[in-house]
C-alpha cells in the first residue's frame, strides 16, 4: 500500500536513522534552550543535566518534566527562546482554568508547522489543487491557521470558511466542489445532520481530516458512512505548535504516525512516570526537537494512548504509531466506584442502531453523592431501557437518562460540550 509522501526521505528513514537524528537534535535542543532562556537554564541546573549527558534514548529521563501549569505560570512568554522582534504569529489555549497557554512562532516555526501539516494532507491522499474547506475558526485557536498553513504548503485550493453557518458551509462545498473537509470531530457531525435534514449530498467530498476531540471508532464510522468520505484522525495541540504538528493516521488506519524527526514521544505510567512497554496504555509526553520560539521539553500532555508499532507501516512510513487518544487523565469519571472516560460512553452509544451522535453526560451531585445521567437522541423505536441495558453491559453500571427526538439536544458550532456537572441539595 505504498503511497506518495510529502517528504519521503524523512518519512521513511530507518529506525536507526530516526534514533540518531533524535539524539543529535535533543542534545542541540537542550543546549539551545539552556543558552537562550533563564527558566530552562535553571530547570536543567536543578536536574543536574547538561547537553553532553544525552547520549542514548533513555537519557531523556534525566530531563525535567514540563506541564501546563509551568506554561501558565510563565505567561505570557517566560519560556521564549528568541528575540520578540522575530515573532511572526501567536496562538493560545482558551485559558478556562487560569492563565492561557501561549504559543509563539518565528518564521522557522511557521515553516515547520506548514511542513508537518502538508505531510498530513498528502498522507490522506490530497493532491495539489484539491479544494479544501477549513471549518475550524481563524483566531487564537490554532486549528484554522494550522490547516491553512499546511494547505498552502501542499498547494491546495483553500476555502477558508471558518466555524459556523453550516448551511453556507454546505452551499460553498457544493459550489466549489470541496474534496477535503477539515474540522473538529463534532462539527463533522453537525455538517452531516444539516445534510440529512435537507436530504442533500456532497458527492465530491472524499477526505475528512478531523481532530481536537477524542475520536471513537464508532463515531469515525458514522462520519465515513454519512458523509461518504475517508476520515483521518489528526493530532497536535497548542503546546506542540498546533494541529498536525504531531501527526495523523495514514490510509492503513493502524495508528497515528508521530513525526519523529520533529518530536520525541514517550508513553509513561500515570503514577510512577516510568516508561511503559509498547502496547500498554499510559500518558503521552512530548519533546519538540525543531521548534525555536517556544519549545517544550518532556511536556506532559494529559492524553492517554499506547504505542502500536515502531515497525515500517504498510504505507511505507517508518515513524512510530500510537493509538488514537482514548481520553485525558483529567477526564476520567468515577461513578459508584466505576472508572470510565467519556470516549467509552460514546463508543458504547454508537454501537446501538438508531442512536444519533449528539448526546449529554450529566454528572449529578446531591449531598456529595455523584450519579450520572446520559441523555441521547434516537429514533422512536429506541427506549431508555435499551440504552441503559447496553451501557450496563459495556460500562458496568446503569445510568439514568432520557431519549430525545433527533435535533432536540443543544449543539455547538465549535468543540462539542459532552459532559455537564449539576449540583443540588436534595
Foldseek 3Di string as FASTA:
>chain_A
DAFDFPDQVQQQDDPVVLQVLLLVLVLVVLVLQLVQAVVSVVQCVVLVDHSVQRDGPVSLVSHDEAEPVNQQVCPPARSFRDDPVQWDDKAWDPQPPHGIGIDTAGPQLLVLLLNLLLRQCVLQPDAAAAEEEQAAAPDNAFRLVSNVSNCVVRNYRYDDPYFDPLVVVVVVCQVVLHAEYEAALVLLLVNLVVCVVVVHARVSHAEYEHEPDFQDPLSQVVSCVSHVYHYKYWDDHNQQSHISSQFIDGVVLQFTFGSSSFKDKFFAAAPPRHGDDAPDKGWIFMFGRRGRGRTGRRYGPQFIWGWRDQDQDPNSGRGTGIHGTQAGNVQWDAAPNFIDGPSLLQNLQSVDPFWRNDKAWEWEAEPRHTAIEIETEGDPVDFLVNSQVSCCVRRVHGHHYGYDHPPPDDADRHDGDHYHYHYDHD
